[in-house]
Amino acid sequence: MILNTSFARELAAHLLDINAVVLRPNDPFVWTSGWNSPIYCDNRLTLRFPEIRNKIENEFTNIIQEKFPDTDVITGTATAGIPHAAWVAANLNKPMAYVRAKAKAHGMGNQIEGGVRKGESTVIIEDLISTGGSAISVVEALKFVGANVEAVLSIFTYGFDKANNRFQDTDVPIYTLTDYNTLVNVAIEKGMIDCDDLDLLSSWRDHPDVWPDAPEEQ
């Protein structure tokens, strides 16, 4: 869910301008999953631009203050969510933690670093939601230790039905600063892609696993 549509458009323009998001509908990228994709997203590039990253952190902070003012801990996803979670936690003067993809094989064997205690509430900061798998694994790790996960906040989401359905099953809401549809619309306005590419871009969002082929008839 996007709460601030004006900021969503502004952020989409920034991501396009710094090449944190690149659209190539006629020369697709190949993801590690094997999917062909007309889009490549690397929000880590926002770390190089203080003005943009400050806007991101302030918007995350605004959402938490409005929706979850009493949350106890700000939790980042490893690794891309960690710096954003740290800045947001500093803005709010709250404890900060982060969750690894899996527990360490040495030392204390921690998966959750910084610590979220049983009964504490937390908001997760993520940079990108695709299929939702990595963010949901963080939700599950936090719930396992008895934390109350109030929401996942993400810089960007593709808006796949698969991810939306998985989050509905966890009963954890998602708030995103901008999304795929907003980005495509802004890219058209900026002349970065042609209106003729809209069908290709829309069909990928609906059927990313088989794109650019048409889905099989049921």
N, C-alpha and C. Protein backbone atom coordinates (compact mmCIF):
# COMPACT_ATOMS: atom_id res chain seq x y z
N MET A 1 0.84 -1.19 0.00
CA MET A 1 0.00 0.00 0.00
C MET A 1 0.88 1.25 0.00
N ILE A 2 0.55 2.19 -0.87
CA ILE A 2 1.22 3.48 -0.90
C ILE A 2 0.35 4.50 -0.17
N LEU A 3 0.93 5.21 0.79
CA LEU A 3 0.19 6.20 1.56
C LEU A 3 0.33 7.60 0.99
N ASN A 4 1.45 7.88 0.33
CA ASN A 4 1.74 9.21 -0.18
C ASN A 4 2.03 9.12 -1.67
N THR A 5 1.00 9.30 -2.50
CA THR A 5 1.18 9.12 -3.95
C THR A 5 2.08 10.19 -4.55
N SER A 6 2.07 11.38 -3.99
CA SER A 6 2.94 12.44 -4.50
C SER A 6 4.41 12.08 -4.27
N PHE A 7 4.71 11.58 -3.08
CA PHE A 7 6.09 11.17 -2.81
C PHE A 7 6.46 9.95 -3.65
N ALA A 8 5.52 9.05 -3.88
CA ALA A 8 5.79 7.86 -4.69
C ALA A 8 6.27 8.26 -6.08
N ARG A 9 5.65 9.27 -6.67
CA ARG A 9 6.06 9.75 -7.99
C ARG A 9 7.43 10.43 -7.92
N GLU A 10 7.62 11.23 -6.88
CA GLU A 10 8.91 11.91 -6.73
C GLU A 10 10.05 10.91 -6.58
N LEU A 11 9.84 9.89 -5.74
CA LEU A 11 10.87 8.89 -5.52
C LEU A 11 11.12 8.07 -6.78
N ALA A 12 10.06 7.71 -7.50
CA ALA A 12 10.23 6.97 -8.76
C ALA A 12 11.12 7.74 -9.72
N ALA A 13 10.91 9.04 -9.81
CA ALA A 13 11.74 9.87 -10.69
C ALA A 13 13.19 9.86 -10.23
N HIS A 14 13.42 9.95 -8.93
CA HIS A 14 14.79 9.90 -8.41
C HIS A 14 15.46 8.56 -8.73
N LEU A 15 14.74 7.46 -8.53
CA LEU A 15 15.31 6.13 -8.78
C LEU A 15 15.69 5.96 -10.25
N LEU A 16 14.86 6.50 -11.13
CA LEU A 16 15.16 6.45 -12.56
C LEU A 16 16.37 7.33 -12.90
N ASP A 17 16.42 8.51 -12.31
CA ASP A 17 17.50 9.45 -12.63
C ASP A 17 18.87 8.93 -12.22
N ILE A 18 18.95 8.19 -11.12
CA ILE A 18 20.26 7.69 -10.65
C ILE A 18 20.52 6.26 -11.12
N ASN A 19 19.63 5.74 -11.97
CA ASN A 19 19.76 4.37 -12.49
C ASN A 19 19.68 3.30 -11.41
N ALA A 20 19.02 3.64 -10.30
CA ALA A 20 18.73 2.60 -9.31
C ALA A 20 17.69 1.63 -9.89
N VAL A 21 16.88 2.13 -10.80
CA VAL A 21 15.94 1.30 -11.55
C VAL A 21 16.17 1.55 -13.04
N VAL A 22 16.33 0.47 -13.79
CA VAL A 22 16.53 0.56 -15.23
C VAL A 22 15.45 -0.27 -15.91
N LEU A 23 14.79 0.33 -16.91
CA LEU A 23 13.75 -0.36 -17.67
C LEU A 23 14.26 -0.68 -19.06
N ARG A 24 14.20 -1.98 -19.44
CA ARG A 24 14.60 -2.41 -20.77
C ARG A 24 13.58 -3.43 -21.29
N PRO A 25 12.39 -2.98 -21.68
CA PRO A 25 11.36 -3.93 -22.10
C PRO A 25 11.71 -4.72 -23.35
N ASN A 26 12.59 -4.18 -24.20
CA ASN A 26 12.94 -4.87 -25.45
C ASN A 26 14.31 -5.53 -25.41
N ASP A 27 14.97 -5.44 -24.28
CA ASP A 27 16.28 -6.06 -24.09
C ASP A 27 16.36 -6.53 -22.64
N PRO A 28 15.57 -7.54 -22.29
CA PRO A 28 15.36 -7.88 -20.88
C PRO A 28 16.61 -8.39 -20.16
N PHE A 29 16.59 -8.17 -18.85
CA PHE A 29 17.58 -8.75 -17.96
C PHE A 29 17.17 -10.19 -17.65
N VAL A 30 18.10 -10.96 -17.10
CA VAL A 30 17.79 -12.31 -16.62
C VAL A 30 18.11 -12.36 -15.14
N TRP A 31 17.10 -12.64 -14.32
CA TRP A 31 17.31 -12.75 -12.88
C TRP A 31 17.95 -14.09 -12.53
N THR A 32 18.48 -14.19 -11.32
CA THR A 32 19.09 -15.45 -10.89
C THR A 32 18.06 -16.59 -10.85
N SER A 33 16.79 -16.24 -10.72
CA SER A 33 15.73 -17.25 -10.72
C SER A 33 15.52 -17.83 -12.11
N GLY A 34 16.10 -17.18 -13.14
CA GLY A 34 15.88 -17.61 -14.51
C GLY A 34 14.80 -16.81 -15.22
N TRP A 35 14.08 -15.98 -14.47
CA TRP A 35 13.04 -15.15 -15.08
C TRP A 35 13.66 -14.08 -15.98
N ASN A 36 13.03 -13.85 -17.13
CA ASN A 36 13.34 -12.67 -17.93
C ASN A 36 12.63 -11.48 -17.31
N SER A 37 13.28 -10.33 -17.31
CA SER A 37 12.69 -9.17 -16.67
C SER A 37 13.01 -7.89 -17.45
N PRO A 38 12.01 -7.03 -17.64
CA PRO A 38 12.25 -5.75 -18.31
C PRO A 38 12.79 -4.69 -17.36
N ILE A 39 13.00 -5.06 -16.09
CA ILE A 39 13.40 -4.09 -15.08
C ILE A 39 14.52 -4.64 -14.22
N TYR A 40 15.46 -3.75 -13.88
CA TYR A 40 16.51 -4.11 -12.92
C TYR A 40 16.50 -3.05 -11.83
N CYS A 41 16.47 -3.48 -10.59
CA CYS A 41 16.35 -2.56 -9.47
C CYS A 41 17.50 -2.78 -8.49
N ASP A 42 18.24 -1.72 -8.20
CA ASP A 42 19.32 -1.77 -7.21
C ASP A 42 19.22 -0.52 -6.34
N ASN A 43 18.39 -0.61 -5.30
CA ASN A 43 18.17 0.55 -4.44
C ASN A 43 19.37 0.87 -3.56
N ARG A 44 20.39 0.01 -3.57
CA ARG A 44 21.61 0.34 -2.83
C ARG A 44 22.26 1.61 -3.37
N LEU A 45 21.99 1.94 -4.61
CA LEU A 45 22.56 3.15 -5.19
C LEU A 45 22.07 4.41 -4.49
N THR A 46 20.93 4.32 -3.80
CA THR A 46 20.44 5.50 -3.06
C THR A 46 21.41 5.89 -1.95
N LEU A 47 22.24 4.95 -1.51
CA LEU A 47 23.18 5.25 -0.43
C LEU A 47 24.21 6.29 -0.86
N ARG A 48 24.43 6.42 -2.17
CA ARG A 48 25.41 7.39 -2.69
C ARG A 48 24.85 8.81 -2.75
N PHE A 49 23.55 8.97 -2.51
CA PHE A 49 22.91 10.26 -2.71
C PHE A 49 22.22 10.70 -1.42
N PRO A 50 22.91 11.49 -0.59
CA PRO A 50 22.36 11.86 0.71
C PRO A 50 20.98 12.50 0.63
N GLU A 51 20.74 13.36 -0.35
CA GLU A 51 19.44 14.03 -0.43
C GLU A 51 18.31 13.02 -0.64
N ILE A 52 18.55 12.03 -1.51
CA ILE A 52 17.52 11.03 -1.80
C ILE A 52 17.33 10.11 -0.61
N ARG A 53 18.42 9.63 -0.04
CA ARG A 53 18.29 8.69 1.08
C ARG A 53 17.65 9.38 2.28
N ASN A 54 17.91 10.69 2.47
CA ASN A 54 17.27 11.41 3.57
C ASN A 54 15.76 11.48 3.36
N LYS A 55 15.34 11.67 2.11
CA LYS A 55 13.91 11.71 1.83
C LYS A 55 13.27 10.34 2.12
N ILE A 56 13.97 9.27 1.77
CA ILE A 56 13.48 7.92 2.04
C ILE A 56 13.32 7.71 3.54
N GLU A 57 14.36 8.04 4.29
CA GLU A 57 14.32 7.82 5.74
C GLU A 57 13.23 8.67 6.39
N ASN A 58 13.06 9.90 5.92
CA ASN A 58 12.03 10.76 6.50
C ASN A 58 10.64 10.23 6.21
N GLU A 59 10.45 9.67 5.02
CA GLU A 59 9.13 9.13 4.69
C GLU A 59 8.84 7.87 5.50
N PHE A 60 9.85 7.00 5.65
CA PHE A 60 9.68 5.84 6.53
C PHE A 60 9.34 6.29 7.95
N THR A 61 10.05 7.30 8.41
CA THR A 61 9.82 7.81 9.76
C THR A 61 8.40 8.34 9.91
N ASN A 62 7.92 9.06 8.91
CA ASN A 62 6.56 9.60 8.95
C ASN A 62 5.52 8.49 9.05
N ILE A 63 5.73 7.41 8.29
CA ILE A 63 4.77 6.30 8.30
C ILE A 63 4.73 5.66 9.69
N ILE A 64 5.91 5.43 10.27
CA ILE A 64 5.96 4.80 11.59
C ILE A 64 5.33 5.70 12.64
N GLN A 65 5.63 6.99 12.57
CA GLN A 65 5.04 7.91 13.55
C GLN A 65 3.52 7.97 13.43
N GLU A 66 3.02 7.86 12.20
CA GLU A 66 1.57 7.92 11.98
C GLU A 66 0.88 6.62 12.33
N LYS A 67 1.47 5.50 11.90
CA LYS A 67 0.80 4.20 12.01
C LYS A 67 1.23 3.38 13.22
N PHE A 68 2.50 3.48 13.60
CA PHE A 68 3.04 2.60 14.64
C PHE A 68 3.91 3.39 15.62
N PRO A 69 3.38 4.43 16.24
CA PRO A 69 4.19 5.31 17.08
C PRO A 69 4.78 4.62 18.30
N ASP A 70 4.18 3.54 18.74
CA ASP A 70 4.64 2.87 19.96
C ASP A 70 5.51 1.65 19.67
N THR A 71 5.91 1.45 18.42
CA THR A 71 6.76 0.29 18.11
C THR A 71 8.06 0.37 18.91
N ASP A 72 8.56 -0.78 19.33
CA ASP A 72 9.71 -0.83 20.22
C ASP A 72 11.05 -0.81 19.50
N VAL A 73 11.13 -1.54 18.37
CA VAL A 73 12.40 -1.74 17.69
C VAL A 73 12.21 -1.58 16.19
N ILE A 74 13.19 -0.98 15.52
CA ILE A 74 13.21 -0.92 14.06
C ILE A 74 14.16 -2.02 13.57
N THR A 75 13.67 -2.88 12.70
CA THR A 75 14.45 -4.03 12.25
C THR A 75 14.72 -3.94 10.75
N GLY A 76 15.98 -4.10 10.36
CA GLY A 76 16.35 -4.10 8.95
C GLY A 76 16.55 -5.50 8.43
N THR A 77 16.34 -5.68 7.14
CA THR A 77 16.65 -6.96 6.49
C THR A 77 18.09 -6.92 6.00
N ALA A 78 18.79 -8.03 6.16
CA ALA A 78 20.18 -8.10 5.70
C ALA A 78 20.22 -8.40 4.19
N THR A 79 21.03 -7.65 3.45
CA THR A 79 21.84 -6.56 3.96
C THR A 79 21.28 -5.18 3.58
N ALA A 80 20.47 -5.13 2.54
CA ALA A 80 20.08 -3.85 1.96
C ALA A 80 19.20 -3.00 2.86
N GLY A 81 18.47 -3.64 3.78
CA GLY A 81 17.61 -2.87 4.66
C GLY A 81 18.31 -2.30 5.88
N ILE A 82 19.54 -2.76 6.13
CA ILE A 82 20.24 -2.38 7.37
C ILE A 82 20.50 -0.88 7.46
N PRO A 83 21.12 -0.24 6.45
CA PRO A 83 21.40 1.19 6.62
C PRO A 83 20.15 2.03 6.77
N HIS A 84 19.10 1.71 6.03
CA HIS A 84 17.86 2.47 6.13
C HIS A 84 17.23 2.30 7.51
N ALA A 85 17.27 1.08 8.03
CA ALA A 85 16.73 0.84 9.37
C ALA A 85 17.52 1.61 10.42
N ALA A 86 18.83 1.69 10.24
CA ALA A 86 19.67 2.42 11.20
C ALA A 86 19.33 3.90 11.21
N TRP A 87 19.15 4.48 10.03
CA TRP A 87 18.82 5.91 9.96
C TRP A 87 17.42 6.19 10.53
N VAL A 88 16.48 5.30 10.23
CA VAL A 88 15.13 5.48 10.76
C VAL A 88 15.13 5.35 12.28
N ALA A 89 15.84 4.35 12.79
CA ALA A 89 15.93 4.16 14.24
C ALA A 89 16.55 5.39 14.90
N ALA A 90 17.55 5.99 14.24
CA ALA A 90 18.17 7.20 14.78
C ALA A 90 17.17 8.36 14.78
N ASN A 91 16.39 8.49 13.70
CA ASN A 91 15.37 9.54 13.64
C ASN A 91 14.38 9.42 14.79
N LEU A 92 14.02 8.18 15.12
CA LEU A 92 12.98 7.92 16.12
C LEU A 92 13.55 7.69 17.52
N ASN A 93 14.89 7.65 17.62
CA ASN A 93 15.55 7.37 18.89
C ASN A 93 15.07 6.05 19.48
N LYS A 94 15.05 5.02 18.63
CA LYS A 94 14.60 3.69 19.04
C LYS A 94 15.71 2.67 18.81
N PRO A 95 15.66 1.54 19.53
CA PRO A 95 16.62 0.46 19.27
C PRO A 95 16.49 -0.05 17.83
N MET A 96 17.58 -0.62 17.33
CA MET A 96 17.61 -1.13 15.97
C MET A 96 18.19 -2.54 15.98
N ALA A 97 17.65 -3.40 15.13
CA ALA A 97 18.14 -4.76 14.97
C ALA A 97 18.18 -5.08 13.48
N TYR A 98 18.82 -6.19 13.15
CA TYR A 98 18.69 -6.69 11.78
C TYR A 98 18.67 -8.21 11.81
N VAL A 99 18.10 -8.78 10.74
CA VAL A 99 17.92 -10.22 10.67
C VAL A 99 18.68 -10.78 9.48
N ARG A 100 19.54 -11.75 9.75
CA ARG A 100 20.28 -12.43 8.69
C ARG A 100 19.37 -13.39 7.92
N ALA A 101 19.81 -13.76 6.72
CA ALA A 101 19.06 -14.74 5.94
C ALA A 101 19.01 -16.09 6.67
N LYS A 102 20.07 -16.41 7.41
CA LYS A 102 20.09 -17.62 8.22
C LYS A 102 21.03 -17.40 9.40
N ALA A 103 20.89 -18.21 10.41
CA ALA A 103 21.72 -18.07 11.60
C ALA A 103 23.19 -18.29 11.30
N LYS A 104 24.06 -17.59 12.02
CA LYS A 104 25.50 -17.78 11.85
C LYS A 104 25.89 -19.21 12.22
N ALA A 105 26.90 -19.72 11.56
CA ALA A 105 27.36 -21.07 11.85
C ALA A 105 28.46 -21.08 12.91
N HIS A 106 28.75 -19.92 13.52
CA HIS A 106 29.80 -19.82 14.51
C HIS A 106 29.37 -18.85 15.61
N GLY A 107 30.21 -18.72 16.63
CA GLY A 107 29.90 -17.81 17.73
C GLY A 107 28.61 -18.20 18.43
N MET A 108 27.74 -17.21 18.65
CA MET A 108 26.47 -17.44 19.34
C MET A 108 25.40 -17.99 18.42
N GLY A 109 25.72 -18.08 17.12
CA GLY A 109 24.75 -18.62 16.18
C GLY A 109 23.52 -17.75 15.98
N ASN A 110 23.72 -16.43 16.13
CA ASN A 110 22.58 -15.52 16.04
C ASN A 110 22.08 -15.37 14.61
N GLN A 111 20.76 -15.28 14.48
CA GLN A 111 20.16 -14.84 13.23
C GLN A 111 19.69 -13.40 13.36
N ILE A 112 19.21 -13.04 14.55
CA ILE A 112 18.76 -11.68 14.82
C ILE A 112 19.85 -10.95 15.59
N GLU A 113 20.40 -9.90 14.99
CA GLU A 113 21.48 -9.14 15.62
C GLU A 113 20.92 -7.82 16.17
N GLY A 114 21.43 -7.42 17.32
CA GLY A 114 20.93 -6.22 17.97
C GLY A 114 19.84 -6.56 18.96
N GLY A 115 19.03 -7.55 18.62
CA GLY A 115 18.08 -8.09 19.58
C GLY A 115 16.69 -7.50 19.51
N VAL A 116 15.71 -8.39 19.37
CA VAL A 116 14.30 -8.05 19.53
C VAL A 116 13.76 -9.03 20.56
N ARG A 117 13.31 -8.54 21.70
CA ARG A 117 12.91 -9.41 22.79
C ARG A 117 11.48 -9.91 22.63
N LYS A 118 11.22 -11.01 23.29
CA LYS A 118 9.87 -11.57 23.31
C LYS A 118 8.87 -10.51 23.80
N GLY A 119 7.80 -10.34 23.05
CA GLY A 119 6.77 -9.39 23.43
C GLY A 119 6.97 -7.99 22.88
N GLU A 120 8.17 -7.69 22.33
CA GLU A 120 8.40 -6.37 21.76
C GLU A 120 7.79 -6.27 20.37
N SER A 121 7.38 -5.07 20.02
CA SER A 121 6.84 -4.82 18.68
C SER A 121 7.94 -4.27 17.79
N THR A 122 7.85 -4.57 16.50
CA THR A 122 8.88 -4.11 15.58
C THR A 122 8.28 -3.85 14.20
N VAL A 123 8.91 -2.93 13.49
CA VAL A 123 8.60 -2.66 12.09
C VAL A 123 9.84 -3.03 11.28
N ILE A 124 9.63 -3.77 10.19
CA ILE A 124 10.73 -4.24 9.34
C ILE A 124 10.94 -3.24 8.20
N ILE A 125 12.20 -2.89 7.95
CA ILE A 125 12.57 -2.02 6.83
C ILE A 125 13.25 -2.87 5.77
N GLU A 126 12.70 -2.83 4.56
CA GLU A 126 13.19 -3.62 3.42
C GLU A 126 13.44 -2.66 2.26
N ASP A 127 14.36 -3.01 1.36
CA ASP A 127 14.60 -2.11 0.23
C ASP A 127 13.76 -2.48 -0.98
N LEU A 128 13.45 -3.78 -1.15
CA LEU A 128 12.76 -4.23 -2.37
C LEU A 128 11.96 -5.48 -2.06
N ILE A 129 10.71 -5.50 -2.53
CA ILE A 129 9.89 -6.70 -2.42
C ILE A 129 9.61 -7.22 -3.82
N SER A 130 10.06 -8.44 -4.08
CA SER A 130 9.76 -9.09 -5.37
C SER A 130 8.74 -10.19 -5.11
N THR A 131 9.20 -11.41 -4.85
CA THR A 131 8.24 -12.48 -4.54
C THR A 131 7.85 -12.48 -3.06
N GLY A 132 8.57 -11.69 -2.26
CA GLY A 132 8.24 -11.59 -0.84
C GLY A 132 8.94 -12.59 0.05
N GLY A 133 9.69 -13.52 -0.55
CA GLY A 133 10.29 -14.59 0.23
C GLY A 133 11.25 -14.13 1.30
N SER A 134 12.16 -13.21 0.97
CA SER A 134 13.16 -12.79 1.95
C SER A 134 12.52 -12.02 3.10
N ALA A 135 11.58 -11.13 2.79
CA ALA A 135 10.93 -10.36 3.86
C ALA A 135 10.10 -11.26 4.76
N ILE A 136 9.43 -12.24 4.16
CA ILE A 136 8.61 -13.14 4.96
C ILE A 136 9.47 -14.03 5.86
N SER A 137 10.66 -14.40 5.40
CA SER A 137 11.56 -15.18 6.25
C SER A 137 11.98 -14.37 7.47
N VAL A 138 12.12 -13.05 7.31
CA VAL A 138 12.44 -12.18 8.43
C VAL A 138 11.26 -12.11 9.39
N VAL A 139 10.06 -11.98 8.84
CA VAL A 139 8.84 -11.97 9.66
C VAL A 139 8.78 -13.24 10.50
N GLU A 140 9.03 -14.38 9.86
CA GLU A 140 8.93 -15.65 10.56
C GLU A 140 9.99 -15.78 11.65
N ALA A 141 11.22 -15.30 11.38
CA ALA A 141 12.28 -15.36 12.39
C ALA A 141 11.93 -14.51 13.61
N LEU A 142 11.33 -13.35 13.37
CA LEU A 142 10.96 -12.47 14.47
C LEU A 142 9.78 -13.05 15.26
N LYS A 143 8.81 -13.61 14.56
CA LYS A 143 7.68 -14.23 15.26
C LYS A 143 8.14 -15.43 16.07
N PHE A 144 9.15 -16.14 15.59
CA PHE A 144 9.66 -17.33 16.28
C PHE A 144 10.19 -16.98 17.67
N VAL A 145 10.79 -15.77 17.79
CA VAL A 145 11.33 -15.38 19.10
C VAL A 145 10.28 -14.64 19.93
N GLY A 146 9.05 -14.57 19.42
CA GLY A 146 7.97 -13.97 20.19
C GLY A 146 7.76 -12.49 19.98
N ALA A 147 8.36 -11.93 18.93
CA ALA A 147 8.17 -10.51 18.63
C ALA A 147 6.83 -10.29 17.92
N ASN A 148 6.31 -9.11 18.06
CA ASN A 148 5.09 -8.71 17.37
C ASN A 148 5.47 -7.86 16.16
N VAL A 149 5.35 -8.44 14.97
CA VAL A 149 5.71 -7.73 13.74
C VAL A 149 4.52 -6.89 13.28
N GLU A 150 4.67 -5.58 13.34
CA GLU A 150 3.56 -4.70 13.04
C GLU A 150 3.40 -4.43 11.55
N ALA A 151 4.51 -4.38 10.81
CA ALA A 151 4.42 -4.08 9.38
C ALA A 151 5.77 -4.27 8.72
N VAL A 152 5.75 -4.38 7.40
CA VAL A 152 6.96 -4.32 6.57
C VAL A 152 6.88 -3.04 5.75
N LEU A 153 7.93 -2.24 5.81
CA LEU A 153 8.03 -1.02 5.01
C LEU A 153 9.12 -1.21 3.98
N SER A 154 8.80 -0.95 2.72
CA SER A 154 9.75 -1.18 1.64
C SER A 154 9.89 0.07 0.76
N ILE A 155 11.08 0.26 0.22
CA ILE A 155 11.28 1.37 -0.71
C ILE A 155 10.48 1.13 -1.99
N PHE A 156 10.52 -0.11 -2.51
CA PHE A 156 9.92 -0.40 -3.82
C PHE A 156 9.34 -1.80 -3.82
N THR A 157 8.27 -1.98 -4.54
CA THR A 157 7.70 -3.31 -4.76
C THR A 157 7.27 -3.47 -6.22
N TYR A 158 7.42 -4.69 -6.72
CA TYR A 158 6.91 -4.99 -8.06
C TYR A 158 5.41 -5.20 -8.04
N GLY A 159 4.86 -5.52 -6.89
CA GLY A 159 3.42 -5.71 -6.77
C GLY A 159 2.92 -7.03 -7.31
N PHE A 160 3.78 -8.06 -7.28
CA PHE A 160 3.35 -9.37 -7.77
C PHE A 160 2.22 -9.92 -6.90
N ASP A 161 1.26 -10.58 -7.55
CA ASP A 161 0.17 -11.22 -6.80
C ASP A 161 0.71 -12.26 -5.82
N LYS A 162 1.76 -12.97 -6.23
CA LYS A 162 2.34 -14.00 -5.37
C LYS A 162 2.80 -13.40 -4.05
N ALA A 163 3.48 -12.26 -4.11
CA ALA A 163 3.97 -11.61 -2.89
C ALA A 163 2.81 -11.10 -2.05
N ASN A 164 1.83 -10.48 -2.69
CA ASN A 164 0.68 -9.94 -1.96
C ASN A 164 -0.07 -11.04 -1.23
N ASN A 165 -0.25 -12.17 -1.90
CA ASN A 165 -0.96 -13.30 -1.27
C ASN A 165 -0.18 -13.88 -0.10
N ARG A 166 1.14 -13.94 -0.24
CA ARG A 166 1.96 -14.49 0.84
C ARG A 166 1.90 -13.59 2.07
N PHE A 167 1.90 -12.30 1.86
CA PHE A 167 1.83 -11.39 3.00
C PHE A 167 0.45 -11.42 3.65
N GLN A 168 -0.59 -11.60 2.86
CA GLN A 168 -1.92 -11.74 3.44
C GLN A 168 -1.97 -12.94 4.37
N ASP A 169 -1.28 -14.02 4.01
CA ASP A 169 -1.25 -15.22 4.85
C ASP A 169 -0.53 -14.97 6.18
N THR A 170 0.44 -14.04 6.19
CA THR A 170 1.16 -13.75 7.42
C THR A 170 0.41 -12.75 8.29
N ASP A 171 -0.59 -12.10 7.72
CA ASP A 171 -1.37 -11.07 8.43
C ASP A 171 -0.50 -9.89 8.86
N VAL A 172 0.53 -9.59 8.05
CA VAL A 172 1.40 -8.44 8.29
C VAL A 172 1.24 -7.47 7.12
N PRO A 173 0.85 -6.22 7.39
CA PRO A 173 0.64 -5.27 6.29
C PRO A 173 1.96 -4.81 5.68
N ILE A 174 1.90 -4.42 4.40
CA ILE A 174 3.05 -3.87 3.68
C ILE A 174 2.74 -2.42 3.33
N TYR A 175 3.69 -1.55 3.59
CA TYR A 175 3.61 -0.16 3.13
C TYR A 175 4.85 0.10 2.28
N THR A 176 4.65 0.59 1.08
CA THR A 176 5.77 0.81 0.18
C THR A 176 5.81 2.26 -0.26
N LEU A 177 7.03 2.78 -0.44
CA LEU A 177 7.17 4.18 -0.80
C LEU A 177 6.84 4.45 -2.26
N THR A 178 7.17 3.50 -3.13
CA THR A 178 6.77 3.59 -4.53
C THR A 178 6.66 2.19 -5.09
N ASP A 179 6.14 2.07 -6.31
CA ASP A 179 5.91 0.73 -6.86
C ASP A 179 6.08 0.72 -8.37
N TYR A 180 5.92 -0.46 -8.92
CA TYR A 180 6.17 -0.69 -10.35
C TYR A 180 5.27 0.16 -11.24
N ASN A 181 3.97 0.19 -10.95
CA ASN A 181 3.05 0.95 -11.78
C ASN A 181 3.39 2.43 -11.78
N THR A 182 3.70 2.97 -10.60
CA THR A 182 4.07 4.38 -10.51
C THR A 182 5.33 4.65 -11.31
N LEU A 183 6.31 3.76 -11.19
CA LEU A 183 7.57 3.93 -11.88
C LEU A 183 7.38 3.92 -13.40
N VAL A 184 6.57 3.01 -13.91
CA VAL A 184 6.33 2.94 -15.35
C VAL A 184 5.67 4.22 -15.84
N ASN A 185 4.70 4.70 -15.11
CA ASN A 185 4.01 5.93 -15.51
C ASN A 185 4.96 7.12 -15.53
N VAL A 186 5.83 7.22 -14.53
CA VAL A 186 6.79 8.32 -14.48
C VAL A 186 7.81 8.18 -15.62
N ALA A 187 8.23 6.95 -15.91
CA ALA A 187 9.19 6.72 -17.00
C ALA A 187 8.61 7.15 -18.35
N ILE A 188 7.33 6.91 -18.56
CA ILE A 188 6.69 7.34 -19.80
C ILE A 188 6.67 8.86 -19.88
N GLU A 189 6.30 9.51 -18.78
CA GLU A 189 6.25 10.97 -18.75
C GLU A 189 7.62 11.59 -19.00
N LYS A 190 8.67 10.92 -18.52
CA LYS A 190 10.03 11.43 -18.69
C LYS A 190 10.62 11.06 -20.05
N GLY A 191 9.87 10.30 -20.87
CA GLY A 191 10.34 9.90 -22.19
C GLY A 191 11.39 8.81 -22.16
N MET A 192 11.46 8.07 -21.07
CA MET A 192 12.45 7.00 -20.95
C MET A 192 12.00 5.71 -21.63
N ILE A 193 10.70 5.53 -21.76
CA ILE A 193 10.14 4.40 -22.49
C ILE A 193 8.97 4.90 -23.33
N ASP A 194 8.58 4.09 -24.32
CA ASP A 194 7.48 4.46 -25.21
C ASP A 194 6.16 3.88 -24.71
N CYS A 195 5.09 4.57 -25.05
CA CYS A 195 3.76 4.05 -24.72
C CYS A 195 3.54 2.67 -25.35
N ASP A 196 4.20 2.43 -26.48
CA ASP A 196 4.05 1.14 -27.16
C ASP A 196 4.58 -0.02 -26.31
N ASP A 197 5.42 0.29 -25.32
CA ASP A 197 6.01 -0.75 -24.47
C ASP A 197 5.11 -1.13 -23.30
N LEU A 198 4.00 -0.41 -23.14
CA LEU A 198 3.15 -0.63 -21.97
C LEU A 198 2.61 -2.06 -21.89
N ASP A 199 2.19 -2.61 -23.02
CA ASP A 199 1.65 -3.97 -23.01
C ASP A 199 2.70 -4.97 -22.54
N LEU A 200 3.94 -4.81 -23.02
CA LEU A 200 5.02 -5.70 -22.59
C LEU A 200 5.26 -5.58 -21.09
N LEU A 201 5.30 -4.36 -20.60
CA LEU A 201 5.58 -4.14 -19.19
C LEU A 201 4.45 -4.65 -18.31
N SER A 202 3.22 -4.47 -18.76
CA SER A 202 2.07 -4.96 -17.99
C SER A 202 2.02 -6.47 -17.97
N SER A 203 2.31 -7.11 -19.10
CA SER A 203 2.25 -8.57 -19.16
C SER A 203 3.33 -9.20 -18.29
N TRP A 204 4.49 -8.54 -18.16
CA TRP A 204 5.52 -9.08 -17.27
C TRP A 204 5.04 -9.07 -15.83
N ARG A 205 4.46 -7.96 -15.39
CA ARG A 205 4.00 -7.85 -14.01
C ARG A 205 2.95 -8.93 -13.70
N ASP A 206 2.12 -9.27 -14.70
CA ASP A 206 1.05 -10.25 -14.48
C ASP A 206 1.56 -11.69 -14.55
N HIS A 207 2.58 -11.94 -15.39
CA HIS A 207 3.07 -13.32 -15.60
C HIS A 207 4.60 -13.34 -15.69
N PRO A 208 5.29 -12.95 -14.61
CA PRO A 208 6.75 -12.83 -14.69
C PRO A 208 7.48 -14.15 -14.93
N ASP A 209 6.86 -15.27 -14.53
CA ASP A 209 7.54 -16.55 -14.64
C ASP A 209 7.62 -17.07 -16.07
N VAL A 210 6.75 -16.59 -16.96
CA VAL A 210 6.76 -17.08 -18.34
C VAL A 210 7.04 -15.96 -19.35
N TRP A 211 7.10 -14.74 -18.90
CA TRP A 211 7.32 -13.59 -19.80
C TRP A 211 8.63 -13.73 -20.55
N PRO A 212 8.68 -13.36 -21.84
CA PRO A 212 7.69 -12.63 -22.63
C PRO A 212 6.67 -13.51 -23.36
N ASP A 213 6.66 -14.81 -23.07
CA ASP A 213 5.67 -15.67 -23.70
C ASP A 213 4.30 -15.45 -23.06
N ALA A 214 3.26 -15.73 -23.81
CA ALA A 214 1.92 -15.64 -23.27
C ALA A 214 1.66 -16.81 -22.32
N PRO A 215 0.89 -16.59 -21.25
CA PRO A 215 0.58 -17.70 -20.34
C PRO A 215 -0.23 -18.77 -21.02
N GLU A 216 -0.04 -20.01 -20.58
CA GLU A 216 -0.79 -21.11 -21.18
C GLU A 216 -2.26 -21.03 -20.79
N GLU A 217 -3.11 -21.47 -21.70
CA GLU A 217 -4.54 -21.51 -21.43
C GLU A 217 -4.85 -22.55 -20.38
N GLN A 218 -5.73 -22.20 -19.46
CA GLN A 218 -6.13 -23.15 -18.41
C GLN A 218 -7.26 -24.04 -18.90
